[in-house]
Every structure is written in structure tokens, then in C-alpha cells.
């Protein structure tokens, strides 16, 4: 809501007004009928058309219209779910949503199973290359498996149509070539399984608090400290150890697939990497040590105090499985002679510290809301700094560079033109040199799909792809029967052993009976 208020005419006033009215209605236990209130810039032209007036030019607004929070809700449903009896039983739009999509939620049990069924009231829509009516699948069932191994085995048996790849099953499912490319194992190919792979429009990074007197600031020495740390953080090693190779080292805030991302030498961060023999190579550790010395910390020792540089890393990683990761973090800093102190805390406390700027170093991430560079560059926009917005801003590093901010204000309302690309390239050069983040990596998703599951493609942005997917139920049944035939040999072996045991027991019984009769005759 906070993001939309600056753009939609009248939304801010409506939000304040309706919040106050809703509070009064709740106190009186009265329902709130939204038909009596209107947003100045929003108008229902007819039953199928909504007109929205926005301030100025904002091309990204088209993406907003495709997001789930813009789905129209009938007023009858909103009023219906305000009944006290339903609220008491936790029945609401969240648990029993109402919409106009291809499916409706027939079963909602997040701890066990979610079931979607074809919506008979879905408006007529056809597959783009044929006259077939959508959706193709009548019902989709999503089951929660609490253990990864049973889930994996059920997928291999054909009882699940698709599956992710857990760490325990990675080597069984995927082969990594000499060039680092991932492909299916022979066992998966023999089953007709397909691998769906894509680099996600997301980034995970380690942020420096730019308000911090040690790791923050914009002097040449302060930049060199952050650049040295960035070089020493071996993201390639991190991806290999902790991600099973599922990631791409980041060169800046914009991930692949988003306008402004560049491949090859042009897209390489020159402050962390060098271009060598046609590929990116992380700069040598001695380069990082030289930068560290120029920053005033030769071998990790402060020239001002004579003490070893000690930095603090805040995290929510508190479990036993996180110890290996935290030890790896310490080693990356130790390569420069820097001591890293881990400060683990619960998530609420961690968020509070980030919002108030009470951190030095911390890891964070962002998933694209919509496929536009503005959705990533605004993470570094000065006016979004967390400390200047009472924690509401999404610039958690509190990065502020006037040149970057000026360019951001220019590109945010531009279409994807060469002029916009040139300005984005300038912005990337600025943040690569300032290094407010250790750029981290762009995650790569891998999914396995059986041969009978069709029209499945990598798409990290669209939420409406289920209606296009197909199932061949006959092939699925045939494969399930072939992969789950009972193995009769052990059963025959068991029956044979039981029969043999019975024969031996009977023979022993007969011998014992004869012995008793013989002894009786002797006594007689």
C-alpha cells in the first residue's frame, strides 16, 4: 500500500479515511460496506473495465496490475467475510479466497494438502495456438511432505508429477560437466524426466551499513575497505558448498533477465573481477590485501589504533546446521586478517536492528516483484534509506549517493530505451565502486518434471501458468504400474522357507511320536 500511495490519485486520502472508519465500525461490531466510499482516481467503467488515474508517468504500473494484490474482489464477498461468526472460526478471504481465475481453492490445509479445482465460472479463454479452452487440468493437488527422502521416492515412483531437488538427492539427479554446466543424470533420462532450470530474478547479498563509522562512508579509503572485503568473499566457493552449484555470482544489483543486466566482459564488476581468457576471474587475494592496506588496515591491523580490525555480522542463523556457514564466513574475513564476530539473534530483533541501523554487516535478499530494473535499483535509492524512514524504507544498507539518486529519479519513469540503458550503466558503475553490498549471487532454480506433465517452462514472474499446463493421465498410470510392480521373488522365497520349515517341523514331530511309541513298547 505504501508503494502505491504516491502513484494512485486519491489512494492516500482514502487509506487514512477508511482506516479510521474501519476502526470505529469494529468497535461497534458493525460491518464496513465499501460501496459507500470511493477512491478519487479509481472508477468502474462497466462490469469488466476498471479505470485508474495515476500521478505522472510510471510504466511499471502495468506490472502492478498483473500482481495478486490487484485482483478484483466482489463487494458481496468482502461484506460476507466480516461476519463475527466466520471470523471466530478463522474463515476469511485469506482462508477461502474468492476470485475470477481458472481455479478455485477446494481444500485449504497448509499443513497437509492444498487442492485447486476447475472454476466453472471462469471466463472463456483459449490456448494461444489452438481453439482449446483453458484450463487443461481439472484439478491440481499440492501435498506437504515433511521429509525430503519420502517425497523424492514418491516422485521417482511417479506419484508426484514434478519435484524440486533436495541436497540429499542432488547427486542422484544432476550431473555437473567439466565446464560447470548442470545436466540430468542417466538414471533420470531413462525415466523420461526433464530438467527445468533458470536463474531467478533475485539476489542474495551481504550489506554494509553505510552509516557505520567503520564499514560505511564514501571516502576513497572506506571504499577500498569494502572492495577488499568483497574480493575476499569467495562467492564461487559459497555457491559450490552451500548451494550445490545452484547460483551465479552477482556483478551488481540487477539479475539476469532484467533490462540493464549485461553478460560477458561488459557486465563484469571491475572492482572484484578481471576478464581473463574470455571469462570472469575473481581478483587475487593479494589485490584485496593491497586495498586493505591502502584503506589503513595493513594485514588487518588498524594504523590508527594498532589493533586488529574487528567487524560484527548480525544474523538469524542460530541452529546447529548454521555453524558450518558461520565458520565459512569467519574464514573469508580471516584471509585478510580481520576478526569477524557473529551476533546471532531472533528474526524480530534482527529486523529491528536493521531498521534502526544498529548493525555493521548482515545478509539480505530480494525477489523481483516485477521484471524492471527499478525494482532492484530502488533498494539503493537514498530516499529509501531505512534509518531515514523509521525503518519503512527498503534501502537497508542506508546507501546514499547523490549521483546515483539523480539517475534513479530519471530512469524510474523511462521506457526501456538505449538512453535508459546508458543511464543504468552509469548507476551500476557508481555502486560497483562504492560497494555498499558484497554482491553475493543470483540463485538458480532446478525442477524435475515427468514426461506426462506438459507445457512446463521456467517462469519466475507469472503466477497464472497452471491453466496452460497439461497432464497425460494414461501415460502416468502406465509408468506408475511399470515402476511399482511387486517383486515376487522375495515373496516366493519366503513362502518356500515357510513350507520347508513346516515340513521339517512335521518330520521332527513324527520322529518324536515314533520315539515315544518305541519307549512305551520297551516298558511294556
Protein backbone atom coordinates (compact mmCIF):
# COMPACT_ATOMS: atom_id res chain seq x y z
CA UNK A 1 0.00 0.00 0.00
CA UNK A 2 2.79 2.43 0.91
CA UNK A 3 4.36 1.86 -2.51
CA UNK A 4 1.10 2.57 -4.37
CA UNK A 5 0.01 5.69 -2.47
CA UNK A 6 2.41 8.07 -4.31
CA UNK A 7 1.08 6.93 -7.69
CA UNK A 8 -2.68 6.30 -7.49
CA UNK A 9 -4.68 9.53 -7.28
CA UNK A 10 -6.63 9.74 -4.02
CA UNK A 11 -5.35 6.47 -2.54
CA UNK A 12 -3.54 8.17 0.36
CA UNK A 13 -6.61 10.11 1.48
CA UNK A 14 -8.82 7.06 1.04
CA UNK A 15 -6.45 4.91 3.12
CA UNK A 16 -6.46 7.35 6.04
CA UNK A 17 -10.21 7.82 5.91
CA UNK A 18 -11.13 4.15 5.59
CA UNK A 19 -8.70 3.12 8.36
CA UNK A 20 -10.41 5.46 10.81
CA UNK A 21 -13.89 4.35 9.73
CA UNK A 22 -12.95 0.67 9.93
CA UNK A 23 -11.68 1.18 13.47
CA UNK A 24 -14.98 2.76 14.51
CA UNK A 25 -17.01 0.00 12.85
CA UNK A 26 -15.01 -2.73 14.61
CA UNK A 27 -15.54 -1.04 17.97
CA UNK A 28 -19.30 -1.03 17.34
CA UNK A 29 -19.26 -4.56 15.87
CA UNK A 30 -20.69 -3.21 12.63
CA UNK A 31 -19.74 -4.31 9.11
CA UNK A 32 -17.98 -1.92 6.76
CA UNK A 33 -19.71 -1.63 3.37
CA UNK A 34 -17.05 -0.34 0.97
CA UNK A 35 -19.66 0.64 -1.62
CA UNK A 36 -20.24 3.84 0.34
CA UNK A 37 -16.63 5.01 -0.09
CA UNK A 38 -14.65 5.77 -3.21
CA UNK A 39 -11.06 6.38 -4.30
CA UNK A 40 -10.85 9.59 -6.28
CA UNK A 41 -8.66 8.15 -9.03
CA UNK A 42 -10.43 4.79 -9.42
CA UNK A 43 -13.60 4.25 -11.41
CA UNK A 44 -15.54 1.17 -12.53
CA UNK A 45 -16.48 1.97 -16.13
CA UNK A 46 -18.52 -1.20 -16.54
CA UNK A 47 -18.62 -4.77 -15.22
CA UNK A 48 -15.37 -5.65 -16.99
CA UNK A 49 -13.41 -2.37 -17.01
CA UNK A 50 -11.61 -0.52 -14.22
CA UNK A 51 -10.14 2.93 -14.82
CA UNK A 52 -7.22 4.01 -12.60
CA UNK A 53 -5.72 7.51 -12.69
CA UNK A 54 -2.06 7.82 -11.66
CA UNK A 55 0.25 10.76 -10.98
CA UNK A 56 2.62 11.38 -13.88
CA UNK A 57 4.22 8.64 -15.96
CA UNK A 58 5.04 5.30 -14.36
CA UNK A 59 5.42 2.40 -16.88
CA UNK A 60 5.88 -0.16 -14.10
CA UNK A 61 2.25 0.34 -13.12
CA UNK A 62 1.30 -2.13 -15.85
CA UNK A 63 3.21 -4.81 -13.92
CA UNK A 64 1.34 -3.90 -10.75
CA UNK A 65 -1.93 -4.68 -12.49
CA UNK A 66 -0.74 -8.25 -13.03
CA UNK A 67 0.09 -8.81 -9.34
CA UNK A 68 -2.21 -10.67 -6.98
CA UNK A 69 -2.98 -7.67 -4.76
CA UNK A 70 -4.71 -6.02 -7.74
CA UNK A 71 -7.19 -8.88 -8.21
CA UNK A 72 -10.76 -7.50 -8.06
CA UNK A 73 -12.87 -8.74 -5.13
CA UNK A 74 -16.71 -8.61 -5.23
CA UNK A 75 -18.18 -6.40 -2.55
CA UNK A 76 -20.53 -9.23 -1.56
CA UNK A 77 -17.53 -11.38 -0.59
CA UNK A 78 -15.92 -8.60 1.43
CA UNK A 79 -19.15 -7.97 3.34
CA UNK A 80 -19.83 -11.68 3.80
CA UNK A 81 -16.50 -12.39 5.46
CA UNK A 82 -16.98 -9.59 8.01
CA UNK A 83 -19.47 -11.72 9.92
CA UNK A 84 -18.34 -12.28 13.51
CA UNK A 85 -19.12 -15.99 13.40
CA UNK A 86 -16.84 -16.53 10.42
CA UNK A 87 -14.03 -14.52 11.97
CA UNK A 88 -14.25 -16.60 15.13
CA UNK A 89 -13.74 -19.75 13.05
CA UNK A 90 -10.86 -18.21 11.07
CA UNK A 91 -12.86 -18.17 7.85
CA UNK A 92 -11.85 -15.20 5.71
CA UNK A 93 -10.70 -14.18 2.26
CA UNK A 94 -7.27 -15.49 3.27
CA UNK A 95 -8.52 -18.99 4.02
CA UNK A 96 -11.36 -19.18 1.47
CA UNK A 97 -10.44 -16.72 -1.29
CA UNK A 98 -12.89 -15.54 -3.93
CA UNK A 99 -11.73 -14.66 -7.43
CA UNK A 100 -12.24 -14.94 -11.17
CA UNK A 101 -9.32 -17.20 -12.05
CA UNK A 102 -9.23 -20.56 -13.79
CA UNK A 103 -9.31 -22.45 -10.45
CA UNK A 104 -10.85 -22.14 -7.02
CA UNK A 105 -9.41 -23.34 -3.72
CA UNK A 106 -11.37 -26.51 -2.91
CA UNK A 107 -9.25 -27.59 0.06
CA UNK A 108 -7.06 -25.41 2.23
CA UNK A 109 -4.97 -27.31 4.74
CA UNK A 110 -1.46 -25.80 4.58
CA UNK A 111 -0.06 -28.42 6.96
CA UNK A 112 -1.22 -31.27 4.76
CA UNK A 113 -2.76 -30.55 1.37
CA UNK A 114 -3.96 -27.73 -0.90
CA UNK A 115 -6.39 -28.62 -3.68
CA UNK A 116 -7.39 -26.46 -6.66
CA UNK A 117 -10.37 -27.37 -8.86
CA UNK A 118 -11.52 -26.02 -12.19
CA UNK A 119 -13.65 -22.89 -11.81
CA UNK A 120 -16.83 -23.50 -13.80
CA UNK A 121 -17.48 -19.73 -13.80
CA UNK A 122 -14.09 -18.89 -15.34
CA UNK A 123 -14.46 -16.54 -18.30
CA UNK A 124 -13.86 -18.10 -21.71
CA UNK A 125 -10.18 -18.18 -22.60
CA UNK A 126 -8.44 -20.24 -25.28
CA UNK A 127 -4.95 -21.63 -25.70
CA UNK A 128 -2.98 -19.22 -27.95
CA UNK A 129 -2.14 -21.70 -30.73
CA UNK A 130 -5.38 -23.67 -30.82
CA UNK A 131 -9.08 -23.38 -30.12
CA UNK A 132 -8.82 -25.46 -26.94
CA UNK A 133 -10.50 -23.96 -23.92
CA UNK A 134 -8.48 -23.27 -20.78
CA UNK A 135 -7.65 -24.63 -18.28
CA UNK A 136 -6.44 -28.06 -19.43
CA UNK A 137 -6.16 -29.68 -15.99
CA UNK A 138 -9.32 -30.30 -13.95
CA UNK A 139 -7.68 -30.50 -10.54
CA UNK A 140 -4.27 -29.79 -9.01
CA UNK A 141 -3.24 -31.21 -5.64
CA UNK A 142 -0.28 -29.87 -3.64
CA UNK A 143 0.78 -32.13 -0.78
CA UNK A 144 3.14 -31.19 2.04
CA UNK A 145 5.82 -33.83 2.59
CA UNK A 146 7.67 -33.14 5.81
CA UNK A 147 10.63 -35.35 4.89
CA UNK A 148 12.61 -34.89 1.68
CA UNK A 149 13.54 -38.55 1.13
CA UNK A 150 9.95 -39.94 1.11
CA UNK A 151 8.94 -37.10 -1.21
CA UNK A 152 11.81 -37.90 -3.56
CA UNK A 153 10.98 -41.60 -3.61
CA UNK A 154 7.31 -40.89 -4.40
CA UNK A 155 8.39 -38.68 -7.28
CA UNK A 156 10.61 -41.45 -8.67
CA UNK A 157 7.67 -43.86 -8.35
CA UNK A 158 5.51 -41.49 -10.40
CA UNK A 159 3.14 -40.37 -7.66
CA UNK A 160 4.21 -36.73 -8.00
CA UNK A 161 4.33 -35.01 -11.38
CA UNK A 162 7.17 -32.65 -10.55
CA UNK A 163 9.76 -32.15 -7.84
CA UNK A 164 12.47 -29.87 -6.63
CA UNK A 165 15.89 -31.32 -5.89
CA UNK A 166 16.87 -31.64 -2.25
CA UNK A 167 20.54 -31.74 -1.27
CA UNK A 168 20.27 -35.44 -0.40
CA UNK A 169 19.10 -36.29 -3.94
CA UNK A 170 21.23 -33.82 -5.88
CA UNK A 171 23.97 -36.24 -6.95
CA UNK A 172 21.38 -38.83 -7.95
CA UNK A 173 19.52 -36.37 -10.17
CA UNK A 174 22.12 -34.00 -11.59
CA UNK A 175 25.48 -34.32 -13.30
CA UNK A 176 27.86 -31.36 -13.42
CA UNK A 177 30.05 -31.19 -16.51
CA UNK A 178 33.68 -30.09 -16.70
CA UNK A 179 32.56 -26.58 -17.65
CA UNK A 180 30.22 -26.36 -14.65
CA UNK A 181 27.04 -26.91 -16.66
CA UNK A 182 24.29 -28.92 -14.99
CA UNK A 183 22.53 -31.76 -16.73
CA UNK A 184 20.37 -34.76 -15.92
CA UNK A 185 21.88 -37.98 -14.69
CA UNK A 186 21.50 -41.10 -16.84
CA UNK A 187 19.03 -42.57 -14.33
CA UNK A 188 16.71 -39.57 -14.73
CA UNK A 189 16.96 -39.63 -18.53
CA UNK A 190 15.97 -43.29 -18.63
CA UNK A 191 12.76 -42.39 -16.81
CA UNK A 192 11.96 -39.67 -19.33
CA UNK A 193 12.36 -36.98 -16.68
CA UNK A 194 13.12 -33.42 -17.83
CA UNK A 195 15.21 -30.79 -16.05
CA UNK A 196 13.78 -27.26 -15.90
CA UNK A 197 16.47 -24.74 -14.98
CA UNK A 198 16.62 -20.96 -14.78
CA UNK A 199 18.46 -18.19 -12.97
CA UNK A 200 15.92 -16.47 -10.76
CA UNK A 201 15.20 -12.71 -10.85
CA UNK A 202 16.53 -12.50 -7.30
CA UNK A 203 19.69 -11.54 -5.47
CA UNK A 204 21.21 -12.51 -2.12
CA UNK A 205 23.90 -10.21 -0.80
CA UNK A 206 25.84 -9.11 2.27
CA UNK A 207 25.24 -5.44 3.08
CA UNK A 208 27.46 -2.88 4.76
CA UNK A 209 25.66 -0.35 6.93
CA UNK A 210 26.80 2.83 5.20
CA UNK A 211 26.02 4.82 8.37
CA UNK A 212 28.57 2.81 10.34
CA UNK A 213 31.81 4.73 11.05
CA UNK A 214 34.00 1.71 10.24
CA UNK A 215 32.49 -0.09 7.23
CA UNK A 216 30.38 2.82 5.93
CA UNK A 217 31.30 6.17 4.43
CA UNK A 218 32.31 7.37 0.98
CA UNK A 219 35.98 8.34 1.25
CA UNK A 220 38.48 6.52 -1.04
CA UNK A 221 39.82 4.61 1.98
CA UNK A 222 36.36 3.48 3.10
CA UNK A 223 35.53 2.32 -0.43
CA UNK A 224 38.76 0.32 -0.58
CA UNK A 225 37.92 -1.45 2.68
CA UNK A 226 34.61 -2.63 1.25
CA UNK A 227 36.20 -3.56 -2.08
CA UNK A 228 38.86 -5.63 -0.30
CA UNK A 229 36.21 -7.50 1.70
CA UNK A 230 34.18 -8.03 -1.49
CA UNK A 231 37.13 -9.66 -3.25
CA UNK A 232 37.89 -11.92 -0.28
CA UNK A 233 34.32 -13.24 -0.09
CA UNK A 234 34.63 -16.24 -2.41
CA UNK A 235 31.08 -16.45 -3.73
CA UNK A 236 32.01 -19.20 -6.18
CA UNK A 237 33.05 -21.37 -3.23
CA UNK A 238 29.89 -20.46 -1.33
CA UNK A 239 27.69 -21.47 -4.27
CA UNK A 240 29.56 -24.76 -4.65
CA UNK A 241 29.46 -25.72 -0.96
CA UNK A 242 26.13 -24.37 0.26
CA UNK A 243 24.05 -24.19 -2.93
CA UNK A 244 25.10 -27.35 -4.78
CA UNK A 245 26.31 -25.07 -7.55
CA UNK A 246 22.86 -23.52 -7.96
CA UNK A 247 23.74 -19.89 -8.37
CA UNK A 248 25.59 -17.26 -10.43
CA UNK A 249 28.00 -14.80 -8.75
CA UNK A 250 26.42 -11.35 -8.86
CA UNK A 251 28.12 -8.41 -10.54
CA UNK A 252 25.63 -5.79 -9.38
CA UNK A 253 22.06 -5.41 -8.14
CA UNK A 254 20.32 -6.35 -11.44
CA UNK A 255 19.90 -10.11 -12.08
CA UNK A 256 19.81 -11.87 -15.47
CA UNK A 257 16.59 -11.47 -17.43
CA UNK A 258 16.02 -7.91 -16.22
CA UNK A 259 16.66 -4.94 -18.52
CA UNK A 260 20.09 -3.49 -17.69
CA UNK A 261 21.82 -6.78 -16.95
CA UNK A 262 24.86 -7.34 -19.15
CA UNK A 263 26.67 -10.58 -19.97
CA UNK A 264 30.37 -11.01 -20.66
CA UNK A 265 33.14 -8.51 -20.12
CA UNK A 266 30.82 -5.51 -20.29
CA UNK A 267 28.76 -6.78 -17.38
CA UNK A 268 31.74 -7.68 -15.19
CA UNK A 269 32.32 -5.79 -11.93
CA UNK A 270 35.88 -4.44 -12.45
CA UNK A 271 36.42 -3.85 -8.73
CA UNK A 272 36.01 -7.54 -7.83
CA UNK A 273 36.70 -9.45 -11.06
CA UNK A 274 39.02 -9.30 -14.04
CA UNK A 275 38.37 -10.60 -17.53
CA UNK A 276 40.86 -13.35 -18.33
CA UNK A 277 40.83 -15.60 -21.41
CA UNK A 278 37.20 -14.94 -22.15
CA UNK A 279 35.78 -15.42 -18.67
CA UNK A 280 35.37 -13.70 -15.31
CA UNK A 281 38.01 -14.46 -12.70
CA UNK A 282 37.85 -13.20 -9.12
CA UNK A 283 40.77 -10.92 -8.33
CA UNK A 284 43.64 -12.45 -6.39
CA UNK A 285 43.77 -12.20 -2.62
CA UNK A 286 46.94 -10.08 -2.76
CA UNK A 287 44.90 -7.40 -4.57
CA UNK A 288 42.43 -7.42 -1.67
CA UNK A 289 45.30 -7.19 0.84
CA UNK A 290 46.79 -4.23 -1.02
CA UNK A 291 43.43 -2.44 -0.97
CA UNK A 292 43.08 -3.23 2.73
CA UNK A 293 46.49 -1.67 3.42
CA UNK A 294 45.55 1.42 1.39
CA UNK A 295 42.36 1.63 3.46
CA UNK A 296 44.50 1.90 6.60
CA UNK A 297 44.46 -1.73 7.74
CA UNK A 298 47.67 -3.49 6.60
CA UNK A 299 47.30 -7.22 7.36
CA UNK A 300 44.08 -6.37 9.17
CA UNK A 301 45.78 -4.07 11.73
CA UNK A 302 44.48 -0.52 12.16
CA UNK A 303 47.19 2.08 11.55
CA UNK A 304 45.37 4.42 13.93
CA UNK A 305 44.96 2.12 16.92
CA UNK A 306 47.44 -0.69 16.27
CA UNK A 307 44.66 -3.20 16.94
CA UNK A 308 43.28 -5.91 14.72
CA UNK A 309 40.16 -4.89 12.82
CA UNK A 310 37.10 -6.50 14.36
CA UNK A 311 33.79 -6.46 12.48
CA UNK A 312 30.32 -7.60 13.57
CA UNK A 313 27.97 -9.72 11.47
CA UNK A 314 24.32 -9.89 12.53
CA UNK A 315 22.32 -12.95 11.55
CA UNK A 316 19.25 -15.03 12.40
CA UNK A 317 21.21 -18.24 11.76
CA UNK A 318 21.15 -19.82 15.22
CA UNK A 319 20.72 -23.56 14.59
CA UNK A 320 23.39 -26.27 14.64
CA UNK A 321 23.21 -26.57 10.84
CA UNK A 322 24.27 -22.93 10.52
CA UNK A 323 27.60 -23.37 12.29
CA UNK A 324 29.37 -24.51 9.14
CA UNK A 325 28.18 -21.44 7.26
CA UNK A 326 29.21 -19.07 10.05
CA UNK A 327 32.64 -20.69 10.24
CA UNK A 328 32.99 -20.22 6.50
CA UNK A 329 32.10 -16.54 6.93
CA UNK A 330 34.81 -16.13 9.57
CA UNK A 331 37.40 -17.72 7.30
CA UNK A 332 36.65 -15.30 4.47
CA UNK A 333 37.49 -12.36 6.73
CA UNK A 334 40.40 -14.17 8.36
CA UNK A 335 42.11 -14.33 4.95
CA UNK A 336 42.56 -10.56 5.31
CA UNK A 337 43.49 -10.70 8.97
CA UNK A 338 40.07 -9.38 10.01
CA UNK A 339 38.24 -10.85 13.00
CA UNK A 340 34.54 -11.45 12.36
CA UNK A 341 32.24 -11.61 15.37
CA UNK A 342 28.92 -13.39 14.77
CA UNK A 343 25.92 -11.85 16.54
CA UNK A 344 23.01 -14.29 16.23
CA UNK A 345 19.54 -13.25 17.31
CA UNK A 346 15.88 -13.97 16.63
CA UNK A 347 14.28 -12.61 13.46
CA UNK A 348 12.22 -9.83 15.11
CA UNK A 349 15.23 -8.44 16.93
CA UNK A 350 17.33 -8.73 13.78
CA UNK A 351 14.77 -6.75 11.76
CA UNK A 352 14.61 -4.07 14.43
CA UNK A 353 18.39 -3.65 14.41
CA UNK A 354 18.45 -3.37 10.61
CA UNK A 355 15.63 -0.80 10.60
CA UNK A 356 17.41 1.33 13.19
CA UNK A 357 20.85 0.98 11.61
CA UNK A 358 22.26 -0.83 14.65
CA UNK A 359 24.21 -3.29 12.51
CA UNK A 360 27.55 -3.37 10.70
CA UNK A 361 27.25 -6.33 8.35
CA UNK A 362 24.27 -8.53 7.55
CA UNK A 363 22.93 -10.72 4.75
CA UNK A 364 19.73 -9.88 2.92
CA UNK A 365 17.92 -10.73 -0.29
CA UNK A 366 15.33 -9.53 -2.75
CA UNK A 367 12.94 -11.25 -5.18
CA UNK A 368 11.60 -9.29 -8.12
CA UNK A 369 8.05 -8.01 -7.76
CA UNK A 370 8.01 -7.20 -11.46
CA UNK A 371 10.59 -7.51 -14.28
CA UNK A 372 12.01 -3.99 -14.29
CA UNK A 373 15.42 -2.70 -13.09
CA UNK A 374 13.70 -0.04 -11.00
CA UNK A 375 12.51 -2.86 -8.73
CA UNK A 376 16.15 -3.62 -7.84
CA UNK A 377 17.80 -0.22 -8.10
CA UNK A 378 15.34 1.29 -5.62
CA UNK A 379 16.97 -0.93 -2.98
CA UNK A 380 19.89 1.53 -3.11
CA UNK A 381 17.94 4.77 -3.58
CA UNK A 382 18.89 7.27 -0.88
CA UNK A 383 15.32 8.35 -0.06
CA UNK A 384 14.50 4.72 0.76
CA UNK A 385 17.19 4.50 3.48
CA UNK A 386 15.83 2.59 6.48
CA UNK A 387 17.28 4.96 9.09
CA UNK A 388 15.64 8.00 7.46
CA UNK A 389 12.18 6.45 7.12
CA UNK A 390 11.68 4.98 10.61
CA UNK A 391 12.53 1.58 9.19
CA UNK A 392 9.93 1.71 6.41
CA UNK A 393 12.50 2.15 3.63
CA UNK A 394 13.85 -0.85 1.76
CA UNK A 395 17.38 0.54 1.42
CA UNK A 396 18.63 -1.50 4.38
CA UNK A 397 22.27 -0.59 3.69
CA UNK A 398 21.37 3.11 4.08
CA UNK A 399 23.31 3.87 0.91
CA UNK A 400 23.11 7.48 -0.27
CA UNK A 401 24.93 8.76 -3.33
CA UNK A 402 23.52 11.95 -4.92
CA UNK A 403 24.72 10.97 -8.41
CA UNK A 404 23.05 7.57 -8.16
CA UNK A 405 19.85 9.09 -6.76
CA UNK A 406 19.64 11.67 -9.55
CA UNK A 407 19.97 8.97 -12.21
CA UNK A 408 17.42 6.77 -10.44
CA UNK A 409 14.83 9.54 -10.47
CA UNK A 410 15.40 9.85 -14.22
CA UNK A 411 15.22 6.16 -15.16
CA UNK A 412 12.31 5.11 -12.95
CA UNK A 413 9.73 6.62 -15.31
CA UNK A 414 11.51 5.81 -18.58
CA UNK A 415 10.67 3.11 -21.09
CA UNK A 416 13.33 0.52 -21.94
CA UNK A 417 15.31 2.55 -24.47
CA UNK A 418 19.05 2.83 -25.24
CA UNK A 419 19.02 6.11 -23.28
CA UNK A 420 17.65 4.34 -20.21
CA UNK A 421 20.23 1.56 -20.58
CA UNK A 422 23.07 4.10 -20.74
CA UNK A 423 21.91 5.73 -17.50
CA UNK A 424 21.57 2.34 -15.79
CA UNK A 425 25.15 1.51 -16.81
CA UNK A 426 26.29 4.72 -15.11
CA UNK A 427 24.40 3.74 -11.96
CA UNK A 428 25.98 0.29 -11.92
CA UNK A 429 29.48 1.78 -12.19
CA UNK A 430 28.74 4.05 -9.23
CA UNK A 431 27.53 1.27 -6.92
CA UNK A 432 30.24 -1.15 -8.03
CA UNK A 433 32.87 1.37 -6.94
CA UNK A 434 31.08 2.38 -3.74
CA UNK A 435 30.46 -1.32 -2.90
CA UNK A 436 27.59 -0.90 -0.38
CA UNK A 437 26.98 -4.64 -0.82
CA UNK A 438 29.11 -7.70 -1.26
CA UNK A 439 27.12 -8.56 -4.35
CA UNK A 440 26.57 -12.21 -3.50
CA UNK A 441 24.75 -14.35 -6.05
CA UNK A 442 21.69 -14.81 -8.20
CA UNK A 443 20.04 -18.15 -7.24
CA UNK A 444 19.38 -20.81 -9.84
CA UNK A 445 16.25 -22.95 -9.62
CA UNK A 446 16.14 -26.59 -10.72
CA UNK A 447 12.99 -28.65 -11.09
CA UNK A 448 12.33 -32.14 -12.39
CA UNK A 449 9.26 -32.92 -14.47
CA UNK A 450 7.88 -36.26 -15.63
CA UNK A 451 7.24 -36.89 -19.32
CA UNK A 452 3.44 -36.85 -18.90
CA UNK A 453 3.48 -33.31 -17.46
CA UNK A 454 3.43 -30.89 -20.39
CA UNK A 455 3.72 -27.17 -21.08
CA UNK A 456 6.04 -26.72 -18.10
CA UNK A 457 8.61 -23.98 -18.60
CA UNK A 458 10.78 -21.83 -16.36
CA UNK A 459 8.92 -18.66 -15.44
CA UNK A 460 9.71 -16.92 -12.18
CA UNK A 461 7.37 -13.97 -12.71
CA UNK A 462 3.99 -15.26 -13.93
CA UNK A 463 1.53 -16.65 -11.37
CA UNK A 464 -1.09 -17.87 -13.83
CA UNK A 465 0.77 -20.64 -15.69
CA UNK A 466 -1.19 -23.58 -14.21
CA UNK A 467 -4.06 -23.10 -16.66
CA UNK A 468 -1.69 -23.78 -19.58
CA UNK A 469 -0.20 -26.99 -18.20
CA UNK A 470 -1.23 -30.43 -19.42
CA UNK A 471 -1.36 -33.93 -17.97
CA UNK A 472 -1.45 -37.24 -19.85
CA UNK A 473 -3.16 -39.42 -17.21
CA UNK A 474 -2.90 -42.61 -19.27
CA UNK A 475 0.87 -42.35 -19.56
CA UNK A 476 1.10 -41.60 -15.86
CA UNK A 477 -0.83 -44.77 -14.96
CA UNK A 478 1.29 -46.89 -17.33
CA UNK A 479 4.51 -45.53 -15.84
CA UNK A 480 3.31 -45.95 -12.26
CA UNK A 481 2.44 -49.60 -12.93
CA UNK A 482 5.79 -50.22 -14.62
CA UNK A 483 7.79 -48.57 -11.84
CA UNK A 484 5.86 -50.14 -8.96
CA UNK A 485 5.43 -53.79 -9.97
CA UNK A 486 5.59 -56.07 -6.95
CA UNK A 487 8.84 -58.01 -6.78
CA UNK A 488 7.58 -61.59 -6.36
CA UNK A 489 10.90 -63.41 -5.88
CA UNK A 490 11.32 -62.46 -2.21
CA UNK A 491 7.70 -63.47 -1.60
CA UNK A 492 8.25 -66.86 -3.27
CA UNK A 493 11.41 -67.29 -1.24
CA UNK A 494 9.54 -66.52 1.98
CA UNK A 495 6.70 -68.92 1.12
CA UNK A 496 9.24 -71.61 0.25
CA UNK A 497 11.03 -71.14 3.54
CA UNK A 498 7.75 -71.34 5.43
CA UNK A 499 6.79 -74.55 3.61
CA UNK A 500 10.23 -76.03 4.23
CA UNK A 501 10.01 -75.07 7.88
CA UNK A 502 6.59 -76.67 8.17
CA UNK A 503 7.88 -79.89 6.56
CA UNK A 504 10.86 -80.02 8.89
CA UNK A 505 8.66 -79.39 11.92
CA UNK A 506 6.28 -82.13 10.83
CA UNK A 507 9.16 -84.54 10.27
CA UNK A 508 10.51 -83.76 13.73
CA UNK A 509 7.06 -84.27 15.21
CA UNK A 510 6.71 -87.67 13.51
CA UNK A 511 10.14 -88.76 14.75
CA UNK A 512 9.23 -87.71 18.27
CA UNK A 513 5.96 -89.64 18.13
CA UNK A 514 7.73 -92.77 16.92
CA UNK A 515 10.27 -92.43 19.70
CA UNK A 516 7.51 -92.19 22.31
CA UNK A 517 5.80 -95.32 20.93
CA UNK A 518 9.11 -97.20 20.92
CA UNK A 519 9.86 -96.27 24.53
CA UNK A 520 6.34 -97.36 25.55
CA UNK A 521 6.86 -100.80 23.98
CA UNK A 522 10.14 -101.24 25.83
CA UNK A 523 8.48 -100.52 29.18
CA UNK A 524 5.69 -102.97 28.32
